[in-house]
Amino acid sequence: MALIDVLGDLKVWIAAGFVAALLFGSIGEAASSIMIMVLIMQMSVSLDGLTFRKDDMKTYKRPILWGIVCCFIVNSGITILIGSLFIPSSTAIWYGWVMLASVPSAVSVVSASLYLNGDTKATVLMTSAIYVSALALTPMMTWAFLGSAVGPLEIFRYIVLFIAIPLIASQVLKRFSLPRRGKIVFINIMLFMLMFLAFGSNRDYILSELDMVLWVVIACFVKIFVLGSAVTYLLKRSGTDRDSGMTYILFSVWKNSGMAVSFCMVLLAGTEAAVPCAVSLIMESVWFTMFTSYSERIWPTEDRGQAAET
């Protein structure tokens, strides 16, 4: 396997980040500041290429609406429901689930749509709309479920920092025509840093509370694999065309876990709240690898033609 293929493999970087965190642990108080810079750089490069045109918004109004529903109602709703089970045992872990539910979808859904032969143009527009919506929805959701634990104005300040600034920066990056492989490697390095900082800051908690971490892993499995299977089944049964269906599945499963990790580290003083978000980041990567490998068996491409005939 060529070196560039290894560097472009998200699983390798996530595994490396987790191992490095266990070996070296926390880097101290600087972790949260570094995480802010890492996420802004990662988001800026990830958003490069996203467009938001008025005419397209009218044409794709219905898919865009369904994308927001999949992200902030289906995905967020299930995440809140699962996270609520942790309220009696750990308030901090519950806060982490709320942060995970409140963030927008992963920007990587655009690349994933290409892998799955989904409607890529619709995915780009849906992602753009979801990130603009997150400027209002993320502070509202955290206020609704966390109350005074985190001030909505503070959340809004950081959501602007993590979304508005990268959106502006991505427009500047367009002028440089960054190579696709180079962007992928850079994004993967930033994800490695997020994993290292998140798990490293909570290494002692993870090693001392393995039973709690195991329950988080099980919960993430349900949230990602079981939910993904259920949404796929329902979309196929409803007669949704495959192109749109693949996109809706992605938005229903894949959250921007890296952003959620950063919120936990910055706004919740690096507590174990980041654990659900970091575990979700790993599980989403595993799910995506398996889903892309078996997508033709799960939802064959020929179903696209059958749905159109129906």
C-alpha atoms as a PDB file:
ATOM      1  CA  MET A   1       0.000   0.000   0.000  1.00  0.00           C
ATOM      2  CA  ALA A   2       1.373   3.422  -1.004  1.00  0.00           C
ATOM      3  CA  LEU A   3       2.278   5.886   1.733  1.00  0.00           C
ATOM      4  CA  ILE A   4      -0.298   8.395   0.494  1.00  0.00           C
ATOM      5  CA  ASP A   5      -3.001   5.723   0.850  1.00  0.00           C
ATOM      6  CA  VAL A   6      -1.978   5.093   4.455  1.00  0.00           C
ATOM      7  CA  LEU A   7      -1.917   8.809   5.223  1.00  0.00           C
ATOM      8  CA  GLY A   8      -5.368   9.165   3.676  1.00  0.00           C
ATOM      9  CA  ASP A   9      -6.859   6.358   5.772  1.00  0.00           C
ATOM     10  CA  LEU A  10      -8.948   7.915   8.549  1.00  0.00           C
ATOM     11  CA  LYS A  11      -8.925   4.709  10.606  1.00  0.00           C
ATOM     12  CA  VAL A  12      -5.134   4.772  10.868  1.00  0.00           C
ATOM     13  CA  TRP A  13      -5.091   8.313  12.264  1.00  0.00           C
ATOM     14  CA  ILE A  14      -7.900   7.708  14.741  1.00  0.00           C
ATOM     15  CA  ALA A  15      -6.239   4.532  16.026  1.00  0.00           C
ATOM     16  CA  ALA A  16      -2.905   6.372  16.288  1.00  0.00           C
ATOM     17  CA  GLY A  17      -4.538   9.216  18.217  1.00  0.00           C
ATOM     18  CA  PHE A  18      -6.118   6.796  20.683  1.00  0.00           C
ATOM     19  CA  VAL A  19      -2.837   4.899  21.241  1.00  0.00           C
ATOM     20  CA  ALA A  20      -0.874   8.144  21.642  1.00  0.00           C
ATOM     21  CA  ALA A  21      -3.403   9.364  24.211  1.00  0.00           C
ATOM     22  CA  LEU A  22      -3.046   6.193  26.272  1.00  0.00           C
ATOM     23  CA  LEU A  23       0.750   6.364  26.103  1.00  0.00           C
ATOM     24  CA  PHE A  24       1.292  10.060  26.834  1.00  0.00           C
ATOM     25  CA  GLY A  25      -1.890  11.202  28.585  1.00  0.00           C
ATOM     26  CA  SER A  26      -2.820  14.853  29.068  1.00  0.00           C
ATOM     27  CA  ILE A  27      -0.687  17.781  27.963  1.00  0.00           C
ATOM     28  CA  GLY A  28      -2.241  19.998  30.641  1.00  0.00           C
ATOM     29  CA  GLU A  29      -4.242  23.215  30.472  1.00  0.00           C
ATOM     30  CA  ALA A  30      -3.002  24.023  26.974  1.00  0.00           C
ATOM     31  CA  ALA A  31      -5.127  21.193  25.551  1.00  0.00           C
ATOM     32  CA  SER A  32      -8.328  23.226  25.242  1.00  0.00           C
ATOM     33  CA  SER A  33      -6.612  26.176  23.496  1.00  0.00           C
ATOM     34  CA  ILE A  34      -4.836  23.882  21.066  1.00  0.00           C
ATOM     35  CA  MET A  35      -8.106  22.080  20.370  1.00  0.00           C
ATOM     36  CA  ILE A  36      -9.794  25.351  19.372  1.00  0.00           C
ATOM     37  CA  MET A  37      -7.066  26.095  16.818  1.00  0.00           C
ATOM     38  CA  VAL A  38      -7.074  22.499  15.541  1.00  0.00           C
ATOM     39  CA  LEU A  39     -10.829  22.451  14.983  1.00  0.00           C
ATOM     40  CA  ILE A  40     -10.891  25.836  13.233  1.00  0.00           C
ATOM     41  CA  MET A  41      -8.142  24.716  10.824  1.00  0.00           C
ATOM     42  CA  GLN A  42      -9.796  21.346  10.249  1.00  0.00           C
ATOM     43  CA  MET A  43     -13.211  22.906   9.633  1.00  0.00           C
ATOM     44  CA  SER A  44     -11.807  25.549   7.279  1.00  0.00           C
ATOM     45  CA  VAL A  45     -10.256  22.925   5.008  1.00  0.00           C
ATOM     46  CA  SER A  46     -13.244  20.567   5.323  1.00  0.00           C
ATOM     47  CA  LEU A  47     -15.686  23.274   4.229  1.00  0.00           C
ATOM     48  CA  ASP A  48     -13.591  24.171   1.175  1.00  0.00           C
ATOM     49  CA  GLY A  49     -15.791  23.556  -1.855  1.00  0.00           C
ATOM     50  CA  LEU A  50     -19.176  23.960  -0.193  1.00  0.00           C
ATOM     51  CA  THR A  51     -21.462  26.402  -2.001  1.00  0.00           C
ATOM     52  CA  PHE A  52     -24.751  28.027  -1.063  1.00  0.00           C
ATOM     53  CA  ARG A  53     -26.672  29.371  -4.077  1.00  0.00           C
ATOM     54  CA  LYS A  54     -30.154  30.866  -3.925  1.00  0.00           C
ATOM     55  CA  ASP A  55     -31.465  29.106  -7.063  1.00  0.00           C
ATOM     56  CA  ASP A  56     -30.229  25.726  -5.913  1.00  0.00           C
ATOM     57  CA  MET A  57     -31.886  26.294  -2.555  1.00  0.00           C
ATOM     58  CA  LYS A  58     -35.270  26.597  -4.317  1.00  0.00           C
ATOM     59  CA  THR A  59     -34.666  23.529  -6.477  1.00  0.00           C
ATOM     60  CA  TYR A  60     -33.526  21.361  -3.575  1.00  0.00           C
ATOM     61  CA  LYS A  61     -35.823  22.841  -0.932  1.00  0.00           C
ATOM     62  CA  ARG A  62     -37.411  19.511   0.004  1.00  0.00           C
ATOM     63  CA  PRO A  63     -34.141  17.492   0.314  1.00  0.00           C
ATOM     64  CA  ILE A  64     -32.581  20.331   2.317  1.00  0.00           C
ATOM     65  CA  LEU A  65     -35.499  20.269   4.746  1.00  0.00           C
ATOM     66  CA  TRP A  66     -35.222  16.504   5.117  1.00  0.00           C
ATOM     67  CA  GLY A  67     -31.476  16.813   5.680  1.00  0.00           C
ATOM     68  CA  ILE A  68     -32.073  19.181   8.598  1.00  0.00           C
ATOM     69  CA  VAL A  69     -34.740  16.805   9.953  1.00  0.00           C
ATOM     70  CA  CYS A  70     -32.374  13.823   9.733  1.00  0.00           C
ATOM     71  CA  CYS A  71     -29.564  15.715  11.476  1.00  0.00           C
ATOM     72  CA  PHE A  72     -31.324  17.715  14.176  1.00  0.00           C
ATOM     73  CA  ILE A  73     -34.466  15.650  14.820  1.00  0.00           C
ATOM     74  CA  VAL A  74     -33.698  11.988  14.018  1.00  0.00           C
ATOM     75  CA  ASN A  75     -29.996  11.937  14.939  1.00  0.00           C
ATOM     76  CA  SER A  76     -30.192  14.476  17.761  1.00  0.00           C
ATOM     77  CA  GLY A  77     -33.399  12.972  19.149  1.00  0.00           C
ATOM     78  CA  ILE A  78     -31.971   9.449  19.396  1.00  0.00           C
ATOM     79  CA  THR A  79     -28.728  10.816  20.871  1.00  0.00           C
ATOM     80  CA  ILE A  80     -30.619  12.707  23.582  1.00  0.00           C
ATOM     81  CA  LEU A  81     -32.787   9.666  24.305  1.00  0.00           C
ATOM     82  CA  ILE A  82     -29.785   7.364  24.684  1.00  0.00           C
ATOM     83  CA  GLY A  83     -27.795   9.952  26.608  1.00  0.00           C
ATOM     84  CA  SER A  84     -30.602  10.444  29.113  1.00  0.00           C
ATOM     85  CA  LEU A  85     -29.996   6.891  30.353  1.00  0.00           C
ATOM     86  CA  PHE A  86     -26.683   8.122  31.803  1.00  0.00           C
ATOM     87  CA  ILE A  87     -28.224  10.921  33.902  1.00  0.00           C
ATOM     88  CA  PRO A  88     -28.484   8.848  37.128  1.00  0.00           C
ATOM     89  CA  SER A  89     -24.888   7.624  36.935  1.00  0.00           C
ATOM     90  CA  SER A  90     -22.922  10.610  35.560  1.00  0.00           C
ATOM     91  CA  THR A  91     -24.010  14.190  34.937  1.00  0.00           C
ATOM     92  CA  ALA A  92     -20.798  14.886  33.019  1.00  0.00           C
ATOM     93  CA  ILE A  93     -21.377  11.997  30.605  1.00  0.00           C
ATOM     94  CA  TRP A  94     -24.948  13.233  30.058  1.00  0.00           C
ATOM     95  CA  TYR A  95     -23.573  16.685  29.213  1.00  0.00           C
ATOM     96  CA  GLY A  96     -21.325  15.045  26.631  1.00  0.00           C
ATOM     97  CA  TRP A  97     -24.293  13.373  24.962  1.00  0.00           C
ATOM     98  CA  VAL A  98     -26.100  16.720  24.823  1.00  0.00           C
ATOM     99  CA  MET A  99     -23.091  18.339  23.146  1.00  0.00           C
ATOM    100  CA  LEU A 100     -22.966  15.481  20.634  1.00  0.00           C
ATOM    101  CA  ALA A 101     -26.677  15.877  19.884  1.00  0.00           C
ATOM    102  CA  SER A 102     -26.391  19.651  19.465  1.00  0.00           C
ATOM    103  CA  VAL A 103     -23.626  19.847  16.846  1.00  0.00           C
ATOM    104  CA  PRO A 104     -24.275  19.674  13.087  1.00  0.00           C
ATOM    105  CA  SER A 105     -23.445  16.719  10.858  1.00  0.00           C
ATOM    106  CA  ALA A 106     -19.889  15.811   9.911  1.00  0.00           C
ATOM    107  CA  VAL A 107     -18.600  17.690   6.874  1.00  0.00           C
ATOM    108  CA  SER A 108     -17.267  14.319   5.699  1.00  0.00           C
ATOM    109  CA  VAL A 109     -20.787  13.348   4.599  1.00  0.00           C
ATOM    110  CA  VAL A 110     -20.011  15.117   1.314  1.00  0.00           C
ATOM    111  CA  SER A 111     -17.075  12.808   0.584  1.00  0.00           C
ATOM    112  CA  ALA A 112     -19.075   9.848   1.877  1.00  0.00           C
ATOM    113  CA  SER A 113     -21.867  10.637  -0.573  1.00  0.00           C
ATOM    114  CA  LEU A 114     -19.378  10.262  -3.430  1.00  0.00           C
ATOM    115  CA  TYR A 115     -18.301   6.840  -2.150  1.00  0.00           C
ATOM    116  CA  LEU A 116     -21.924   5.695  -1.882  1.00  0.00           C
ATOM    117  CA  ASN A 117     -23.072   7.105  -5.247  1.00  0.00           C
ATOM    118  CA  GLY A 118     -25.499   9.417  -3.470  1.00  0.00           C
ATOM    119  CA  ASP A 119     -26.826  12.776  -4.627  1.00  0.00           C
ATOM    120  CA  THR A 120     -23.640  14.768  -4.039  1.00  0.00           C
ATOM    121  CA  LYS A 121     -25.002  18.149  -5.111  1.00  0.00           C
ATOM    122  CA  ALA A 122     -27.940  17.791  -2.736  1.00  0.00           C
ATOM    123  CA  THR A 123     -25.533  16.676   0.010  1.00  0.00           C
ATOM    124  CA  VAL A 124     -23.421  19.810  -0.418  1.00  0.00           C
ATOM    125  CA  LEU A 125     -26.484  22.056  -0.212  1.00  0.00           C
ATOM    126  CA  MET A 126     -27.887  20.152   2.760  1.00  0.00           C
ATOM    127  CA  THR A 127     -24.573  20.399   4.596  1.00  0.00           C
ATOM    128  CA  SER A 128     -24.393  24.128   3.945  1.00  0.00           C
ATOM    129  CA  ALA A 129     -27.949  24.633   5.209  1.00  0.00           C
ATOM    130  CA  ILE A 130     -27.320  22.478   8.295  1.00  0.00           C
ATOM    131  CA  TYR A 131     -24.250  24.499   9.261  1.00  0.00           C
ATOM    132  CA  VAL A 132     -26.066  27.795   8.846  1.00  0.00           C
ATOM    133  CA  SER A 133     -28.976  26.397  10.892  1.00  0.00           C
ATOM    134  CA  ALA A 134     -26.546  25.262  13.587  1.00  0.00           C
ATOM    135  CA  LEU A 135     -25.734  28.894  14.373  1.00  0.00           C
ATOM    136  CA  ALA A 136     -29.177  29.055  15.992  1.00  0.00           C
ATOM    137  CA  LEU A 137     -30.066  25.411  16.722  1.00  0.00           C
ATOM    138  CA  THR A 138     -26.902  24.425  18.609  1.00  0.00           C
ATOM    139  CA  PRO A 139     -27.194  27.180  21.269  1.00  0.00           C
ATOM    140  CA  MET A 140     -30.947  26.521  21.562  1.00  0.00           C
ATOM    141  CA  MET A 141     -30.491  22.786  22.133  1.00  0.00           C
ATOM    142  CA  THR A 142     -27.721  23.147  24.694  1.00  0.00           C
ATOM    143  CA  TRP A 143     -29.774  25.738  26.568  1.00  0.00           C
ATOM    144  CA  ALA A 144     -32.851  23.484  26.503  1.00  0.00           C
ATOM    145  CA  PHE A 145     -31.040  20.428  27.912  1.00  0.00           C
ATOM    146  CA  LEU A 146     -28.174  21.904  29.932  1.00  0.00           C
ATOM    147  CA  GLY A 147     -29.809  25.058  31.241  1.00  0.00           C
ATOM    148  CA  SER A 148     -27.350  27.204  33.183  1.00  0.00           C
ATOM    149  CA  ALA A 149     -24.557  24.599  32.993  1.00  0.00           C
ATOM    150  CA  VAL A 150     -23.362  26.320  29.818  1.00  0.00           C
ATOM    151  CA  GLY A 151     -24.601  29.794  28.879  1.00  0.00           C
ATOM    152  CA  PRO A 152     -26.313  30.016  25.450  1.00  0.00           C
ATOM    153  CA  LEU A 153     -24.363  33.175  24.617  1.00  0.00           C
ATOM    154  CA  GLU A 154     -21.112  31.353  25.321  1.00  0.00           C
ATOM    155  CA  ILE A 155     -22.214  28.481  23.099  1.00  0.00           C
ATOM    156  CA  PHE A 156     -23.184  30.960  20.381  1.00  0.00           C
ATOM    157  CA  ARG A 157     -19.769  32.634  20.603  1.00  0.00           C
ATOM    158  CA  TYR A 158     -17.998  29.340  20.051  1.00  0.00           C
ATOM    159  CA  ILE A 159     -20.386  28.117  17.371  1.00  0.00           C
ATOM    160  CA  VAL A 160     -19.609  31.310  15.444  1.00  0.00           C
ATOM    161  CA  LEU A 161     -15.917  30.673  16.031  1.00  0.00           C
ATOM    162  CA  PHE A 162     -16.151  27.048  14.871  1.00  0.00           C
ATOM    163  CA  ILE A 163     -18.551  27.555  11.934  1.00  0.00           C
ATOM    164  CA  ALA A 164     -18.731  31.166  10.710  1.00  0.00           C
ATOM    165  CA  ILE A 165     -14.968  31.735  10.659  1.00  0.00           C
ATOM    166  CA  PRO A 166     -14.219  28.427   8.838  1.00  0.00           C
ATOM    167  CA  LEU A 167     -16.988  29.207   6.327  1.00  0.00           C
ATOM    168  CA  ILE A 168     -15.306  32.538   5.556  1.00  0.00           C
ATOM    169  CA  ALA A 169     -11.830  30.988   5.523  1.00  0.00           C
ATOM    170  CA  SER A 170     -13.006  28.245   3.141  1.00  0.00           C
ATOM    171  CA  GLN A 171     -13.979  30.906   0.605  1.00  0.00           C
ATOM    172  CA  VAL A 172     -10.413  32.239   0.721  1.00  0.00           C
ATOM    173  CA  LEU A 173      -8.980  28.736   0.332  1.00  0.00           C
ATOM    174  CA  LYS A 174     -10.901  28.307  -2.937  1.00  0.00           C
ATOM    175  CA  ARG A 175      -8.394  30.609  -4.626  1.00  0.00           C
ATOM    176  CA  PHE A 176      -5.546  28.184  -3.928  1.00  0.00           C
ATOM    177  CA  SER A 177      -7.198  25.074  -5.451  1.00  0.00           C
ATOM    178  CA  LEU A 178      -5.951  22.750  -2.733  1.00  0.00           C
ATOM    179  CA  PRO A 179      -5.359  19.173  -3.982  1.00  0.00           C
ATOM    180  CA  ARG A 180      -7.993  16.718  -2.740  1.00  0.00           C
ATOM    181  CA  ARG A 181      -5.509  14.194  -1.322  1.00  0.00           C
ATOM    182  CA  GLY A 182      -3.591  16.918   0.453  1.00  0.00           C
ATOM    183  CA  LYS A 183      -6.821  18.126   2.094  1.00  0.00           C
ATOM    184  CA  ILE A 184      -7.696  14.599   3.190  1.00  0.00           C
ATOM    185  CA  VAL A 185      -4.299  14.072   4.832  1.00  0.00           C
ATOM    186  CA  PHE A 186      -4.483  17.458   6.574  1.00  0.00           C
ATOM    187  CA  ILE A 187      -8.005  16.772   7.878  1.00  0.00           C
ATOM    188  CA  ASN A 188      -6.869  13.357   9.127  1.00  0.00           C
ATOM    189  CA  ILE A 189      -3.936  14.920  10.994  1.00  0.00           C
ATOM    190  CA  MET A 190      -6.323  17.349  12.674  1.00  0.00           C
ATOM    191  CA  LEU A 191      -8.595  14.448  13.671  1.00  0.00           C
ATOM    192  CA  PHE A 192      -5.553  12.680  15.126  1.00  0.00           C
ATOM    193  CA  MET A 193      -4.895  15.771  17.240  1.00  0.00           C
ATOM    194  CA  LEU A 194      -8.528  15.896  18.395  1.00  0.00           C
ATOM    195  CA  MET A 195      -8.408  12.222  19.401  1.00  0.00           C
ATOM    196  CA  PHE A 196      -5.099  12.644  21.203  1.00  0.00           C
ATOM    197  CA  LEU A 197      -6.232  15.734  23.111  1.00  0.00           C
ATOM    198  CA  ALA A 198      -9.684  14.358  23.984  1.00  0.00           C
ATOM    199  CA  PHE A 199      -8.651  10.907  25.150  1.00  0.00           C
ATOM    200  CA  GLY A 200      -5.364  12.101  26.610  1.00  0.00           C
ATOM    201  CA  SER A 201      -7.099  14.618  28.847  1.00  0.00           C
ATOM    202  CA  ASN A 202      -9.384  11.853  30.121  1.00  0.00           C
ATOM    203  CA  ARG A 203      -6.951   8.919  30.175  1.00  0.00           C
ATOM    204  CA  ASP A 204      -7.094   8.508  33.938  1.00  0.00           C
ATOM    205  CA  TYR A 205     -10.891   8.517  33.892  1.00  0.00           C
ATOM    206  CA  ILE A 206     -11.029   5.989  31.044  1.00  0.00           C
ATOM    207  CA  LEU A 207      -8.632   3.571  32.753  1.00  0.00           C
ATOM    208  CA  SER A 208     -10.341   3.886  36.133  1.00  0.00           C
ATOM    209  CA  GLU A 209     -13.938   3.759  34.844  1.00  0.00           C
ATOM    210  CA  LEU A 210     -13.767   1.016  32.232  1.00  0.00           C
ATOM    211  CA  ASP A 211     -17.281  -0.160  33.053  1.00  0.00           C
ATOM    212  CA  MET A 212     -18.734   3.282  32.283  1.00  0.00           C
ATOM    213  CA  VAL A 213     -16.680   3.528  29.083  1.00  0.00           C
ATOM    214  CA  LEU A 214     -17.992   0.109  28.029  1.00  0.00           C
ATOM    215  CA  TRP A 215     -21.582   1.323  28.468  1.00  0.00           C
ATOM    216  CA  VAL A 216     -20.742   4.394  26.361  1.00  0.00           C
ATOM    217  CA  VAL A 217     -19.370   2.109  23.632  1.00  0.00           C
ATOM    218  CA  ILE A 218     -22.566   0.024  23.700  1.00  0.00           C
ATOM    219  CA  ALA A 219     -24.699   3.182  23.596  1.00  0.00           C
ATOM    220  CA  CYS A 220     -22.721   4.513  20.622  1.00  0.00           C
ATOM    221  CA  PHE A 221     -23.169   1.182  18.847  1.00  0.00           C
ATOM    222  CA  VAL A 222     -26.934   1.496  19.235  1.00  0.00           C
ATOM    223  CA  LYS A 223     -26.909   5.165  18.210  1.00  0.00           C
ATOM    224  CA  ILE A 224     -24.822   4.536  15.100  1.00  0.00           C
ATOM    225  CA  PHE A 225     -25.182   0.943  13.869  1.00  0.00           C
ATOM    226  CA  VAL A 226     -28.725   0.162  15.037  1.00  0.00           C
ATOM    227  CA  LEU A 227     -30.060   3.604  14.057  1.00  0.00           C
ATOM    228  CA  GLY A 228     -28.299   3.411  10.693  1.00  0.00           C
ATOM    229  CA  SER A 229     -29.853  -0.001   9.984  1.00  0.00           C
ATOM    230  CA  ALA A 230     -33.309   1.185  11.057  1.00  0.00           C
ATOM    231  CA  VAL A 231     -33.177   4.332   8.886  1.00  0.00           C
ATOM    232  CA  THR A 232     -31.950   2.303   5.899  1.00  0.00           C
ATOM    233  CA  TYR A 233     -34.811  -0.184   6.305  1.00  0.00           C
ATOM    234  CA  LEU A 234     -37.449   2.539   6.658  1.00  0.00           C
ATOM    235  CA  LEU A 235     -36.180   4.506   3.659  1.00  0.00           C
ATOM    236  CA  LYS A 236     -36.161   1.417   1.456  1.00  0.00           C
ATOM    237  CA  ARG A 237     -39.651   0.444   2.599  1.00  0.00           C
ATOM    238  CA  SER A 238     -40.957   3.956   1.912  1.00  0.00           C
ATOM    239  CA  GLY A 239     -39.787   3.822  -1.714  1.00  0.00           C
ATOM    240  CA  THR A 240     -37.170   6.568  -1.347  1.00  0.00           C
ATOM    241  CA  ASP A 241     -34.771   6.582  -4.293  1.00  0.00           C
ATOM    242  CA  ARG A 242     -31.307   5.263  -3.516  1.00  0.00           C
ATOM    243  CA  ASP A 243     -29.438   8.504  -4.323  1.00  0.00           C
ATOM    244  CA  SER A 244     -31.416  10.504  -1.775  1.00  0.00           C
ATOM    245  CA  GLY A 245     -31.650   7.601   0.667  1.00  0.00           C
ATOM    246  CA  MET A 246     -27.898   7.234   1.010  1.00  0.00           C
ATOM    247  CA  THR A 247     -27.626  10.935   1.827  1.00  0.00           C
ATOM    248  CA  TYR A 248     -30.406  10.810   4.427  1.00  0.00           C
ATOM    249  CA  ILE A 249     -28.721   7.823   6.110  1.00  0.00           C
ATOM    250  CA  LEU A 250     -25.474   9.760   6.435  1.00  0.00           C
ATOM    251  CA  PHE A 251     -27.178  12.763   8.031  1.00  0.00           C
ATOM    252  CA  SER A 252     -29.114  10.487  10.386  1.00  0.00           C
ATOM    253  CA  VAL A 253     -25.957   8.823  11.710  1.00  0.00           C
ATOM    254  CA  TRP A 254     -22.850  10.981  11.314  1.00  0.00           C
ATOM    255  CA  LYS A 255     -22.400  13.928  13.677  1.00  0.00           C
ATOM    256  CA  ASN A 256     -19.438  16.307  13.847  1.00  0.00           C
ATOM    257  CA  SER A 257     -18.020  14.472  16.845  1.00  0.00           C
ATOM    258  CA  GLY A 258     -14.779  16.440  16.647  1.00  0.00           C
ATOM    259  CA  MET A 259     -16.685  19.674  17.213  1.00  0.00           C
ATOM    260  CA  ALA A 260     -18.560  18.070  20.113  1.00  0.00           C
ATOM    261  CA  VAL A 261     -15.250  17.001  21.672  1.00  0.00           C
ATOM    262  CA  SER A 262     -13.987  20.559  21.391  1.00  0.00           C
ATOM    263  CA  PHE A 263     -17.118  21.976  23.031  1.00  0.00           C
ATOM    264  CA  CYS A 264     -16.711  19.564  25.941  1.00  0.00           C
ATOM    265  CA  MET A 265     -13.040  20.418  26.387  1.00  0.00           C
ATOM    266  CA  VAL A 266     -13.510  24.168  26.128  1.00  0.00           C
ATOM    267  CA  LEU A 267     -16.887  24.740  27.772  1.00  0.00           C
ATOM    268  CA  LEU A 268     -16.959  21.922  30.311  1.00  0.00           C
ATOM    269  CA  ALA A 269     -13.409  22.307  31.624  1.00  0.00           C
ATOM    270  CA  GLY A 270     -12.094  19.090  30.106  1.00  0.00           C
ATOM    271  CA  THR A 271     -14.339  16.789  32.143  1.00  0.00           C
ATOM    272  CA  GLU A 272     -15.171  13.236  31.148  1.00  0.00           C
ATOM    273  CA  ALA A 273     -18.017  14.749  29.108  1.00  0.00           C
ATOM    274  CA  ALA A 274     -15.769  14.407  26.056  1.00  0.00           C
ATOM    275  CA  VAL A 275     -15.787  10.600  26.347  1.00  0.00           C
ATOM    276  CA  PRO A 276     -19.119   9.958  24.514  1.00  0.00           C
ATOM    277  CA  CYS A 277     -18.077  12.325  21.732  1.00  0.00           C
ATOM    278  CA  ALA A 278     -14.631  10.766  21.296  1.00  0.00           C
ATOM    279  CA  VAL A 279     -16.032   7.221  21.374  1.00  0.00           C
ATOM    280  CA  SER A 280     -18.649   8.263  18.823  1.00  0.00           C
ATOM    281  CA  LEU A 281     -15.889   9.579  16.553  1.00  0.00           C
ATOM    282  CA  ILE A 282     -14.251   6.149  16.514  1.00  0.00           C
ATOM    283  CA  MET A 283     -17.513   4.255  16.096  1.00  0.00           C
ATOM    284  CA  GLU A 284     -18.657   6.500  13.237  1.00  0.00           C
ATOM    285  CA  SER A 285     -15.387   5.813  11.433  1.00  0.00           C
ATOM    286  CA  VAL A 286     -15.874   2.044  11.837  1.00  0.00           C
ATOM    287  CA  TRP A 287     -19.521   2.317  10.736  1.00  0.00           C
ATOM    288  CA  PHE A 288     -18.619   4.336   7.647  1.00  0.00           C
ATOM    289  CA  THR A 289     -15.931   1.819   6.636  1.00  0.00           C
ATOM    290  CA  MET A 290     -18.359  -1.083   6.956  1.00  0.00           C
ATOM    291  CA  PHE A 291     -21.276   0.772   5.361  1.00  0.00           C
ATOM    292  CA  THR A 292     -19.263   1.765   2.272  1.00  0.00           C
ATOM    293  CA  SER A 293     -17.884  -1.774   1.949  1.00  0.00           C
ATOM    294  CA  TYR A 294     -21.308  -3.407   2.049  1.00  0.00           C
ATOM    295  CA  SER A 295     -23.526  -0.623   0.659  1.00  0.00           C
ATOM    296  CA  GLU A 296     -24.193  -2.495  -2.585  1.00  0.00           C
ATOM    297  CA  ARG A 297     -25.445  -5.495  -0.631  1.00  0.00           C
ATOM    298  CA  ILE A 298     -27.446  -3.347   1.778  1.00  0.00           C
ATOM    299  CA  TRP A 299     -28.995  -1.167  -0.934  1.00  0.00           C
ATOM    300  CA  PRO A 300     -28.044  -2.289  -4.471  1.00  0.00           C
ATOM    301  CA  THR A 301     -27.567   0.397  -7.103  1.00  0.00           C
ATOM    302  CA  GLU A 302     -30.190  -1.213  -9.323  1.00  0.00           C
ATOM    303  CA  ASP A 303     -32.782  -0.281  -6.688  1.00  0.00           C
ATOM    304  CA  ARG A 304     -32.397   3.266  -7.986  1.00  0.00           C
ATOM    305  CA  GLY A 305     -33.986   2.279 -11.278  1.00  0.00           C
ATOM    306  CA  GLN A 306     -36.684   0.227  -9.601  1.00  0.00           C
ATOM    307  CA  ALA A 307     -37.625   3.152  -7.319  1.00  0.00           C
ATOM    308  CA  ALA A 308     -37.826   5.472 -10.331  1.00  0.00           C
ATOM    309  CA  GLU A 309     -40.167   3.060 -12.137  1.00  0.00           C
ATOM    310  CA  THR A 310     -42.363   2.816  -9.047  1.00  0.00           C
END
